[in-house]
Amino acid sequence: MITETIVRSFKDLIAKTDPIQLIGKTVIIVLTVIFIFVTFNIIRYFTGKILKGKISEPRRYMVKKGIKYTGFALAILYIFKSIGIDTTAILGAAGVAGIVIGFAAQTSVSSLISGFFLLSEKPFTVGDTIRVDSTTGVVLSVDLLSVKLRTFDNLYIRIPNETIIKSSLTNISRFPIRRLDLSFYTAYKEDLEKVRDILLELAAENQYCLENPPPFFGIDRFDNSGIILLFNIWFETSNFWNLKNSIIIDIKKRFEAEGIEIPCQKIDITIAGSSDKKTKGAVNEQPSGVA
């Protein structure tokens, strides 16, 4: 219906207008449309400059997109009016078409609405590291319909905004510091106060471990194979792997040097032979090391 209206208006304009006047009117329309686009591009440019640093990058992006689409819509309406098309009928037909398209693209509309919720709530911004369900990556962009991530193995992932709104989201890099929680076994025969002092000493010597908040040493519970200890230390978010690797290596080396045992969980099994003789053996159920 919209296409038929536009074609009919063009035919009427050509039939009723003198060729010279038609050329002049076409030139005026083209120049006016160019003026509209240039004006709105200038507005968009300076608006982006003014808003830079005052609002979040995703919001600034949305404002610039809104200005661009507004200019485009005004240019289209001006063209329709110039060639004699009744914009009221066009807008009415567009409204009906919009309803039909809306039912056909409910997922996209839902993602679009979810995008506005994300921009207002601001759970993350470009450059943050987030985890959505089982997907973890750095935010590349927050767009109208989706969020783009780059994973740590350098994959490009697009997640619809609707999925993010419905899922459990974790912003890993939101705060400047985090806590590393270690849990491991030690044998019943070990002196727990000595183990505590060694762990606190290793934390104090580690360059990635923060003094404030201070490390925490705790005893979780008695288990079949030993005592489960807890050791929590704080670090700057960007030093996660540096701290985790270095502190675990330090603990293992120091425990070996001090003769402190990290026991394996074991079970005894009995194998019945053809001669009815029984053989007992131990099978490791869990390897030694940090649990």
C-alpha atoms as a PDB file:
ATOM      1  CA  MET A   1       0.000   0.000   0.000  1.00  0.00           C
ATOM      2  CA  ILE A   2       2.787   2.440   0.867  1.00  0.00           C
ATOM      3  CA  THR A   3       4.716   1.568  -2.289  1.00  0.00           C
ATOM      4  CA  GLU A   4       1.630   2.000  -4.484  1.00  0.00           C
ATOM      5  CA  THR A   5       0.949   5.432  -2.959  1.00  0.00           C
ATOM      6  CA  ILE A   6       4.515   6.602  -3.616  1.00  0.00           C
ATOM      7  CA  VAL A   7       4.538   5.330  -7.221  1.00  0.00           C
ATOM      8  CA  ARG A   8       1.186   6.944  -7.962  1.00  0.00           C
ATOM      9  CA  SER A   9       2.331  10.266  -6.523  1.00  0.00           C
ATOM     10  CA  PHE A  10       5.482  10.192  -8.659  1.00  0.00           C
ATOM     11  CA  LYS A  11       3.433   9.532 -11.809  1.00  0.00           C
ATOM     12  CA  ASP A  12       1.024  12.361 -11.012  1.00  0.00           C
ATOM     13  CA  LEU A  13       3.918  14.746 -10.350  1.00  0.00           C
ATOM     14  CA  ILE A  14       5.598  13.913 -13.655  1.00  0.00           C
ATOM     15  CA  ALA A  15       2.365  14.156 -15.599  1.00  0.00           C
ATOM     16  CA  LYS A  16       1.279  17.517 -14.155  1.00  0.00           C
ATOM     17  CA  THR A  17       4.647  19.311 -13.941  1.00  0.00           C
ATOM     18  CA  ASP A  18       6.569  21.022 -16.725  1.00  0.00           C
ATOM     19  CA  PRO A  19       9.924  19.224 -17.374  1.00  0.00           C
ATOM     20  CA  ILE A  20      11.962  22.339 -16.586  1.00  0.00           C
ATOM     21  CA  GLN A  21      10.019  22.937 -13.386  1.00  0.00           C
ATOM     22  CA  LEU A  22      10.379  19.242 -12.523  1.00  0.00           C
ATOM     23  CA  ILE A  23      14.164  19.443 -12.846  1.00  0.00           C
ATOM     24  CA  GLY A  24      14.269  22.600 -10.734  1.00  0.00           C
ATOM     25  CA  LYS A  25      12.040  21.040  -8.083  1.00  0.00           C
ATOM     26  CA  THR A  26      14.170  17.875  -8.045  1.00  0.00           C
ATOM     27  CA  VAL A  27      17.325  19.932  -7.545  1.00  0.00           C
ATOM     28  CA  ILE A  28      15.697  21.818  -4.667  1.00  0.00           C
ATOM     29  CA  ILE A  29      14.579  18.547  -3.036  1.00  0.00           C
ATOM     30  CA  VAL A  30      18.051  16.988  -3.355  1.00  0.00           C
ATOM     31  CA  LEU A  31      19.787  20.093  -1.969  1.00  0.00           C
ATOM     32  CA  THR A  32      17.318  20.315   0.922  1.00  0.00           C
ATOM     33  CA  VAL A  33      17.786  16.630   1.804  1.00  0.00           C
ATOM     34  CA  ILE A  34      21.571  17.067   1.715  1.00  0.00           C
ATOM     35  CA  PHE A  35      21.213  20.126   3.973  1.00  0.00           C
ATOM     36  CA  ILE A  36      19.101  18.109   6.453  1.00  0.00           C
ATOM     37  CA  PHE A  37      21.642  15.270   6.555  1.00  0.00           C
ATOM     38  CA  VAL A  38      24.610  17.623   6.949  1.00  0.00           C
ATOM     39  CA  THR A  39      22.851  19.617   9.683  1.00  0.00           C
ATOM     40  CA  PHE A  40      21.924  16.547  11.700  1.00  0.00           C
ATOM     41  CA  ASN A  41      25.425  15.072  11.280  1.00  0.00           C
ATOM     42  CA  ILE A  42      26.879  18.302  12.676  1.00  0.00           C
ATOM     43  CA  ILE A  43      24.395  18.194  15.568  1.00  0.00           C
ATOM     44  CA  ARG A  44      25.251  14.547  16.195  1.00  0.00           C
ATOM     45  CA  TYR A  45      28.998  15.277  16.154  1.00  0.00           C
ATOM     46  CA  PHE A  46      28.891  18.183  18.587  1.00  0.00           C
ATOM     47  CA  THR A  47      26.363  16.431  20.842  1.00  0.00           C
ATOM     48  CA  GLY A  48      28.744  13.467  21.096  1.00  0.00           C
ATOM     49  CA  LYS A  49      31.599  15.819  21.981  1.00  0.00           C
ATOM     50  CA  ILE A  50      29.550  17.618  24.632  1.00  0.00           C
ATOM     51  CA  LEU A  51      28.286  14.398  26.236  1.00  0.00           C
ATOM     52  CA  LYS A  52      31.685  12.663  26.223  1.00  0.00           C
ATOM     53  CA  GLY A  53      32.693  11.996  29.796  1.00  0.00           C
ATOM     54  CA  LYS A  54      29.352  13.222  31.169  1.00  0.00           C
ATOM     55  CA  ILE A  55      27.344  10.083  30.458  1.00  0.00           C
ATOM     56  CA  SER A  56      28.306   6.476  29.803  1.00  0.00           C
ATOM     57  CA  GLU A  57      29.542   5.495  26.354  1.00  0.00           C
ATOM     58  CA  PRO A  58      26.495   3.287  25.552  1.00  0.00           C
ATOM     59  CA  ARG A  59      24.120   6.155  26.400  1.00  0.00           C
ATOM     60  CA  ARG A  60      26.130   8.600  24.294  1.00  0.00           C
ATOM     61  CA  TYR A  61      25.968   6.090  21.432  1.00  0.00           C
ATOM     62  CA  MET A  62      22.189   5.837  21.773  1.00  0.00           C
ATOM     63  CA  VAL A  63      21.767   9.637  21.737  1.00  0.00           C
ATOM     64  CA  LYS A  64      23.860   9.945  18.567  1.00  0.00           C
ATOM     65  CA  LYS A  65      21.877   7.153  16.898  1.00  0.00           C
ATOM     66  CA  GLY A  66      18.605   8.858  17.865  1.00  0.00           C
ATOM     67  CA  ILE A  67      19.737  12.149  16.266  1.00  0.00           C
ATOM     68  CA  LYS A  68      20.778  10.307  13.099  1.00  0.00           C
ATOM     69  CA  TYR A  69      17.449   8.487  12.735  1.00  0.00           C
ATOM     70  CA  THR A  70      15.507  11.691  13.454  1.00  0.00           C
ATOM     71  CA  GLY A  71      17.298  13.460  10.598  1.00  0.00           C
ATOM     72  CA  PHE A  72      16.621  10.519   8.299  1.00  0.00           C
ATOM     73  CA  ALA A  73      12.915  10.512   9.195  1.00  0.00           C
ATOM     74  CA  LEU A  74      12.593  14.279   8.578  1.00  0.00           C
ATOM     75  CA  ALA A  75      14.289  13.940   5.186  1.00  0.00           C
ATOM     76  CA  ILE A  76      11.883  11.189   4.147  1.00  0.00           C
ATOM     77  CA  LEU A  77       8.843  13.198   5.302  1.00  0.00           C
ATOM     78  CA  TYR A  78      10.082  16.265   3.411  1.00  0.00           C
ATOM     79  CA  ILE A  79      10.480  14.254   0.211  1.00  0.00           C
ATOM     80  CA  PHE A  80       6.967  12.827   0.557  1.00  0.00           C
ATOM     81  CA  LYS A  81       5.481  16.276   1.163  1.00  0.00           C
ATOM     82  CA  SER A  82       7.388  17.790  -1.775  1.00  0.00           C
ATOM     83  CA  ILE A  83       6.045  15.270  -4.276  1.00  0.00           C
ATOM     84  CA  GLY A  84       2.503  15.552  -2.978  1.00  0.00           C
ATOM     85  CA  ILE A  85       2.198  12.356  -0.940  1.00  0.00           C
ATOM     86  CA  ASP A  86      -0.305  12.485   1.925  1.00  0.00           C
ATOM     87  CA  THR A  87       1.930  11.752   4.910  1.00  0.00           C
ATOM     88  CA  THR A  88      -1.112  11.055   7.097  1.00  0.00           C
ATOM     89  CA  ALA A  89      -2.012   8.041   4.975  1.00  0.00           C
ATOM     90  CA  ILE A  90       1.629   6.941   4.877  1.00  0.00           C
ATOM     91  CA  LEU A  91       1.957   7.160   8.645  1.00  0.00           C
ATOM     92  CA  GLY A  92      -1.298   5.263   9.083  1.00  0.00           C
ATOM     93  CA  ALA A  93      -0.173   2.503   6.739  1.00  0.00           C
ATOM     94  CA  ALA A  94       3.220   2.451   8.441  1.00  0.00           C
ATOM     95  CA  GLY A  95       1.487   2.030  11.796  1.00  0.00           C
ATOM     96  CA  VAL A  96      -0.435  -1.020  10.557  1.00  0.00           C
ATOM     97  CA  ALA A  97       2.732  -2.430   9.000  1.00  0.00           C
ATOM     98  CA  GLY A  98       4.586  -1.765  12.231  1.00  0.00           C
ATOM     99  CA  ILE A  99       2.070  -3.831  14.192  1.00  0.00           C
ATOM    100  CA  VAL A 100       2.423  -6.730  11.752  1.00  0.00           C
ATOM    101  CA  ILE A 101       6.207  -6.523  11.820  1.00  0.00           C
ATOM    102  CA  GLY A 102       6.126  -6.242  15.599  1.00  0.00           C
ATOM    103  CA  PHE A 103       4.298  -9.557  15.917  1.00  0.00           C
ATOM    104  CA  ALA A 104       6.704 -11.144  13.446  1.00  0.00           C
ATOM    105  CA  ALA A 105       9.781  -9.849  15.249  1.00  0.00           C
ATOM    106  CA  GLN A 106       8.857 -10.121  18.906  1.00  0.00           C
ATOM    107  CA  THR A 107      12.352 -11.303  19.867  1.00  0.00           C
ATOM    108  CA  SER A 108      14.008  -8.281  18.262  1.00  0.00           C
ATOM    109  CA  VAL A 109      11.520  -5.900  19.888  1.00  0.00           C
ATOM    110  CA  SER A 110      12.072  -7.564  23.247  1.00  0.00           C
ATOM    111  CA  SER A 111      15.847  -7.215  22.827  1.00  0.00           C
ATOM    112  CA  LEU A 112      15.398  -3.558  21.878  1.00  0.00           C
ATOM    113  CA  ILE A 113      13.375  -2.841  25.025  1.00  0.00           C
ATOM    114  CA  SER A 114      15.854  -4.846  27.093  1.00  0.00           C
ATOM    115  CA  GLY A 115      18.642  -2.689  25.650  1.00  0.00           C
ATOM    116  CA  PHE A 116      17.021   0.428  27.119  1.00  0.00           C
ATOM    117  CA  PHE A 117      16.788  -1.299  30.507  1.00  0.00           C
ATOM    118  CA  LEU A 118      20.492  -2.174  30.323  1.00  0.00           C
ATOM    119  CA  LEU A 119      21.379   1.431  29.509  1.00  0.00           C
ATOM    120  CA  SER A 120      19.317   2.759  32.417  1.00  0.00           C
ATOM    121  CA  GLU A 121      20.497   0.168  34.940  1.00  0.00           C
ATOM    122  CA  LYS A 122      24.151   0.233  33.788  1.00  0.00           C
ATOM    123  CA  PRO A 123      25.250  -3.168  35.188  1.00  0.00           C
ATOM    124  CA  PHE A 124      28.375  -2.943  32.990  1.00  0.00           C
ATOM    125  CA  THR A 125      30.034  -0.728  30.409  1.00  0.00           C
ATOM    126  CA  VAL A 126      32.397  -1.124  27.478  1.00  0.00           C
ATOM    127  CA  GLY A 127      35.694  -2.641  28.655  1.00  0.00           C
ATOM    128  CA  ASP A 128      34.225  -4.512  31.645  1.00  0.00           C
ATOM    129  CA  THR A 129      34.705  -8.253  32.020  1.00  0.00           C
ATOM    130  CA  ILE A 130      31.358  -9.983  32.542  1.00  0.00           C
ATOM    131  CA  ARG A 131      30.015 -13.518  32.850  1.00  0.00           C
ATOM    132  CA  VAL A 132      26.573 -14.361  31.415  1.00  0.00           C
ATOM    133  CA  ASP A 133      25.644 -17.904  32.421  1.00  0.00           C
ATOM    134  CA  SER A 134      28.689 -19.897  31.222  1.00  0.00           C
ATOM    135  CA  THR A 135      30.076 -17.221  28.858  1.00  0.00           C
ATOM    136  CA  THR A 136      32.830 -14.888  30.050  1.00  0.00           C
ATOM    137  CA  GLY A 137      34.417 -12.073  28.072  1.00  0.00           C
ATOM    138  CA  VAL A 138      35.272  -8.398  27.708  1.00  0.00           C
ATOM    139  CA  VAL A 139      32.444  -6.093  26.566  1.00  0.00           C
ATOM    140  CA  LEU A 140      33.188  -4.656  23.114  1.00  0.00           C
ATOM    141  CA  SER A 141      29.915  -2.777  22.570  1.00  0.00           C
ATOM    142  CA  VAL A 142      26.413  -2.340  23.971  1.00  0.00           C
ATOM    143  CA  ASP A 143      24.028  -1.931  21.031  1.00  0.00           C
ATOM    144  CA  LEU A 144      20.279  -1.649  20.535  1.00  0.00           C
ATOM    145  CA  LEU A 145      19.705  -5.385  20.132  1.00  0.00           C
ATOM    146  CA  SER A 146      22.739  -7.120  21.582  1.00  0.00           C
ATOM    147  CA  VAL A 147      25.971  -6.968  23.541  1.00  0.00           C
ATOM    148  CA  LYS A 148      29.214  -8.019  21.854  1.00  0.00           C
ATOM    149  CA  LEU A 149      31.910  -9.815  23.844  1.00  0.00           C
ATOM    150  CA  ARG A 150      35.463 -10.931  23.185  1.00  0.00           C
ATOM    151  CA  THR A 151      36.272 -14.070  25.166  1.00  0.00           C
ATOM    152  CA  PHE A 152      39.696 -14.794  26.630  1.00  0.00           C
ATOM    153  CA  ASP A 153      40.376 -17.312  23.851  1.00  0.00           C
ATOM    154  CA  ASN A 154      39.688 -14.481  21.361  1.00  0.00           C
ATOM    155  CA  LEU A 155      36.213 -15.463  20.187  1.00  0.00           C
ATOM    156  CA  TYR A 156      33.598 -12.902  19.143  1.00  0.00           C
ATOM    157  CA  ILE A 157      30.249 -13.553  20.823  1.00  0.00           C
ATOM    158  CA  ARG A 158      26.937 -11.741  20.332  1.00  0.00           C
ATOM    159  CA  ILE A 159      24.427 -12.038  23.170  1.00  0.00           C
ATOM    160  CA  PRO A 160      20.883 -10.649  22.662  1.00  0.00           C
ATOM    161  CA  ASN A 161      19.886  -8.055  25.240  1.00  0.00           C
ATOM    162  CA  GLU A 162      16.819 -10.116  26.103  1.00  0.00           C
ATOM    163  CA  THR A 163      19.060 -13.045  27.086  1.00  0.00           C
ATOM    164  CA  ILE A 164      21.174 -10.822  29.343  1.00  0.00           C
ATOM    165  CA  ILE A 165      18.095  -9.417  31.099  1.00  0.00           C
ATOM    166  CA  LYS A 166      16.788 -12.938  31.771  1.00  0.00           C
ATOM    167  CA  SER A 167      20.145 -14.460  32.782  1.00  0.00           C
ATOM    168  CA  SER A 168      22.336 -14.285  35.841  1.00  0.00           C
ATOM    169  CA  LEU A 169      25.037 -11.696  35.108  1.00  0.00           C
ATOM    170  CA  THR A 170      28.310 -11.216  36.968  1.00  0.00           C
ATOM    171  CA  ASN A 171      30.487  -8.139  36.462  1.00  0.00           C
ATOM    172  CA  ILE A 172      33.947  -9.490  37.281  1.00  0.00           C
ATOM    173  CA  SER A 173      35.845  -6.218  36.873  1.00  0.00           C
ATOM    174  CA  ARG A 174      33.299  -3.806  38.398  1.00  0.00           C
ATOM    175  CA  PHE A 175      35.271  -3.295  41.612  1.00  0.00           C
ATOM    176  CA  PRO A 176      39.028  -2.591  41.793  1.00  0.00           C
ATOM    177  CA  ILE A 177      39.797  -5.430  44.230  1.00  0.00           C
ATOM    178  CA  ARG A 178      38.633  -9.028  44.634  1.00  0.00           C
ATOM    179  CA  ARG A 179      39.125 -11.922  47.041  1.00  0.00           C
ATOM    180  CA  LEU A 180      40.729 -15.265  46.210  1.00  0.00           C
ATOM    181  CA  ASP A 181      39.312 -18.177  48.229  1.00  0.00           C
ATOM    182  CA  LEU A 182      41.578 -21.205  48.645  1.00  0.00           C
ATOM    183  CA  SER A 183      40.461 -24.472  50.230  1.00  0.00           C
ATOM    184  CA  PHE A 184      42.778 -27.434  50.855  1.00  0.00           C
ATOM    185  CA  TYR A 185      43.432 -30.464  53.061  1.00  0.00           C
ATOM    186  CA  THR A 186      46.083 -30.895  55.719  1.00  0.00           C
ATOM    187  CA  ALA A 187      46.803 -34.017  57.763  1.00  0.00           C
ATOM    188  CA  TYR A 188      45.452 -34.450  61.301  1.00  0.00           C
ATOM    189  CA  LYS A 189      48.977 -34.700  62.662  1.00  0.00           C
ATOM    190  CA  GLU A 190      49.953 -31.189  61.519  1.00  0.00           C
ATOM    191  CA  ASP A 191      50.222 -28.189  63.859  1.00  0.00           C
ATOM    192  CA  LEU A 192      47.429 -25.906  62.624  1.00  0.00           C
ATOM    193  CA  GLU A 193      48.900 -22.805  64.253  1.00  0.00           C
ATOM    194  CA  LYS A 194      52.153 -23.412  62.393  1.00  0.00           C
ATOM    195  CA  VAL A 195      50.234 -23.879  59.130  1.00  0.00           C
ATOM    196  CA  ARG A 196      48.370 -20.619  59.806  1.00  0.00           C
ATOM    197  CA  ASP A 197      51.596 -18.689  60.435  1.00  0.00           C
ATOM    198  CA  ILE A 198      53.174 -20.044  57.238  1.00  0.00           C
ATOM    199  CA  LEU A 199      50.175 -19.066  55.119  1.00  0.00           C
ATOM    200  CA  LEU A 200      50.039 -15.556  56.556  1.00  0.00           C
ATOM    201  CA  GLU A 201      53.796 -15.190  56.008  1.00  0.00           C
ATOM    202  CA  LEU A 202      53.483 -16.295  52.370  1.00  0.00           C
ATOM    203  CA  ALA A 203      50.667 -13.795  51.832  1.00  0.00           C
ATOM    204  CA  ALA A 204      52.759 -10.995  53.310  1.00  0.00           C
ATOM    205  CA  GLU A 205      55.672 -11.856  51.002  1.00  0.00           C
ATOM    206  CA  ASN A 206      53.576 -12.142  47.827  1.00  0.00           C
ATOM    207  CA  GLN A 207      53.712  -8.943  45.763  1.00  0.00           C
ATOM    208  CA  TYR A 208      50.174  -9.386  44.438  1.00  0.00           C
ATOM    209  CA  CYS A 209      48.485  -9.888  47.819  1.00  0.00           C
ATOM    210  CA  LEU A 210      46.990  -6.802  49.486  1.00  0.00           C
ATOM    211  CA  GLU A 211      47.610  -6.002  53.131  1.00  0.00           C
ATOM    212  CA  ASN A 212      44.217  -4.340  53.483  1.00  0.00           C
ATOM    213  CA  PRO A 213      41.789  -6.070  53.705  1.00  0.00           C
ATOM    214  CA  PRO A 214      43.998  -8.555  55.577  1.00  0.00           C
ATOM    215  CA  PRO A 215      44.181 -12.283  54.711  1.00  0.00           C
ATOM    216  CA  PHE A 216      41.819 -14.638  56.511  1.00  0.00           C
ATOM    217  CA  PHE A 217      42.681 -18.114  57.839  1.00  0.00           C
ATOM    218  CA  GLY A 218      39.896 -20.457  58.867  1.00  0.00           C
ATOM    219  CA  ILE A 219      39.171 -24.110  59.590  1.00  0.00           C
ATOM    220  CA  ASP A 220      36.261 -25.444  57.576  1.00  0.00           C
ATOM    221  CA  ARG A 221      35.659 -28.943  58.973  1.00  0.00           C
ATOM    222  CA  PHE A 222      37.110 -32.338  59.822  1.00  0.00           C
ATOM    223  CA  ASP A 223      36.982 -34.714  56.864  1.00  0.00           C
ATOM    224  CA  ASN A 224      37.760 -38.396  56.357  1.00  0.00           C
ATOM    225  CA  SER A 225      41.168 -37.691  54.851  1.00  0.00           C
ATOM    226  CA  GLY A 226      42.187 -34.625  56.842  1.00  0.00           C
ATOM    227  CA  ILE A 227      41.280 -31.159  58.030  1.00  0.00           C
ATOM    228  CA  ILE A 228      39.933 -28.751  55.409  1.00  0.00           C
ATOM    229  CA  LEU A 229      41.430 -25.280  55.740  1.00  0.00           C
ATOM    230  CA  LEU A 230      40.259 -22.000  54.255  1.00  0.00           C
ATOM    231  CA  PHE A 231      42.603 -19.202  53.226  1.00  0.00           C
ATOM    232  CA  ASN A 232      41.209 -15.979  51.725  1.00  0.00           C
ATOM    233  CA  ILE A 233      43.407 -13.212  50.320  1.00  0.00           C
ATOM    234  CA  TRP A 234      42.616  -9.940  48.541  1.00  0.00           C
ATOM    235  CA  PHE A 235      44.169  -8.645  45.337  1.00  0.00           C
ATOM    236  CA  GLU A 236      43.748  -6.085  42.561  1.00  0.00           C
ATOM    237  CA  THR A 237      41.287  -7.415  39.997  1.00  0.00           C
ATOM    238  CA  SER A 238      43.791  -7.290  37.130  1.00  0.00           C
ATOM    239  CA  ASN A 239      46.232  -9.552  39.044  1.00  0.00           C
ATOM    240  CA  PHE A 240      43.949 -12.579  39.402  1.00  0.00           C
ATOM    241  CA  TRP A 241      46.063 -15.175  37.616  1.00  0.00           C
ATOM    242  CA  ASN A 242      49.350 -13.692  38.823  1.00  0.00           C
ATOM    243  CA  LEU A 243      48.260 -14.071  42.434  1.00  0.00           C
ATOM    244  CA  LYS A 244      46.548 -17.444  42.093  1.00  0.00           C
ATOM    245  CA  ASN A 245      49.467 -19.128  40.320  1.00  0.00           C
ATOM    246  CA  SER A 246      52.177 -17.623  42.510  1.00  0.00           C
ATOM    247  CA  ILE A 247      50.486 -18.254  45.876  1.00  0.00           C
ATOM    248  CA  ILE A 248      49.668 -21.889  45.073  1.00  0.00           C
ATOM    249  CA  ILE A 249      53.265 -22.534  43.960  1.00  0.00           C
ATOM    250  CA  ASP A 250      54.566 -20.818  47.114  1.00  0.00           C
ATOM    251  CA  ILE A 251      52.279 -22.879  49.373  1.00  0.00           C
ATOM    252  CA  LYS A 252      53.295 -26.176  47.787  1.00  0.00           C
ATOM    253  CA  LYS A 253      57.023 -25.396  47.957  1.00  0.00           C
ATOM    254  CA  ARG A 254      56.844 -24.178  51.554  1.00  0.00           C
ATOM    255  CA  PHE A 255      54.739 -27.119  52.746  1.00  0.00           C
ATOM    256  CA  GLU A 256      57.212 -29.541  51.166  1.00  0.00           C
ATOM    257  CA  ALA A 257      60.141 -27.725  52.791  1.00  0.00           C
ATOM    258  CA  GLU A 258      58.423 -27.751  56.217  1.00  0.00           C
ATOM    259  CA  GLY A 259      57.286 -31.372  55.864  1.00  0.00           C
ATOM    260  CA  ILE A 260      53.598 -30.431  56.038  1.00  0.00           C
ATOM    261  CA  GLU A 261      51.456 -33.101  54.424  1.00  0.00           C
ATOM    262  CA  ILE A 262      48.604 -32.403  52.009  1.00  0.00           C
ATOM    263  CA  PRO A 263      46.939 -35.835  52.107  1.00  0.00           C
ATOM    264  CA  CYS A 264      45.228 -37.696  49.297  1.00  0.00           C
ATOM    265  CA  GLN A 265      41.764 -39.022  49.964  1.00  0.00           C
ATOM    266  CA  LYS A 266      42.015 -42.826  49.856  1.00  0.00           C
ATOM    267  CA  ILE A 267      39.725 -45.809  49.951  1.00  0.00           C
ATOM    268  CA  ASP A 268      40.591 -49.474  50.503  1.00  0.00           C
ATOM    269  CA  ILE A 269      39.240 -52.039  48.048  1.00  0.00           C
ATOM    270  CA  THR A 270      39.216 -55.822  48.319  1.00  0.00           C
ATOM    271  CA  ILE A 271      39.679 -58.005  45.229  1.00  0.00           C
ATOM    272  CA  ALA A 272      38.572 -61.647  45.571  1.00  0.00           C
ATOM    273  CA  GLY A 273      40.781 -64.058  43.582  1.00  0.00           C
ATOM    274  CA  SER A 274      39.952 -67.503  42.234  1.00  0.00           C
ATOM    275  CA  SER A 275      41.790 -69.071  45.202  1.00  0.00           C
ATOM    276  CA  ASP A 276      39.619 -67.114  47.602  1.00  0.00           C
ATOM    277  CA  LYS A 277      42.678 -65.110  48.648  1.00  0.00           C
ATOM    278  CA  LYS A 278      42.004 -61.418  49.212  1.00  0.00           C
ATOM    279  CA  THR A 279      44.286 -58.597  48.196  1.00  0.00           C
ATOM    280  CA  LYS A 280      43.983 -55.118  49.630  1.00  0.00           C
ATOM    281  CA  GLY A 281      45.144 -51.958  47.938  1.00  0.00           C
ATOM    282  CA  ALA A 282      44.754 -48.214  48.181  1.00  0.00           C
ATOM    283  CA  VAL A 283      43.324 -46.140  45.385  1.00  0.00           C
ATOM    284  CA  ASN A 284      43.701 -42.383  45.252  1.00  0.00           C
ATOM    285  CA  GLU A 285      40.311 -40.751  44.960  1.00  0.00           C
ATOM    286  CA  GLN A 286      41.636 -37.206  44.906  1.00  0.00           C
ATOM    287  CA  PRO A 287      45.114 -36.001  43.965  1.00  0.00           C
ATOM    288  CA  SER A 288      47.312 -34.140  46.381  1.00  0.00           C
ATOM    289  CA  GLY A 289      47.282 -30.384  46.224  1.00  0.00           C
ATOM    290  CA  VAL A 290      44.962 -27.459  46.719  1.00  0.00           C
ATOM    291  CA  ALA A 291      41.328 -28.557  46.685  1.00  0.00           C
END
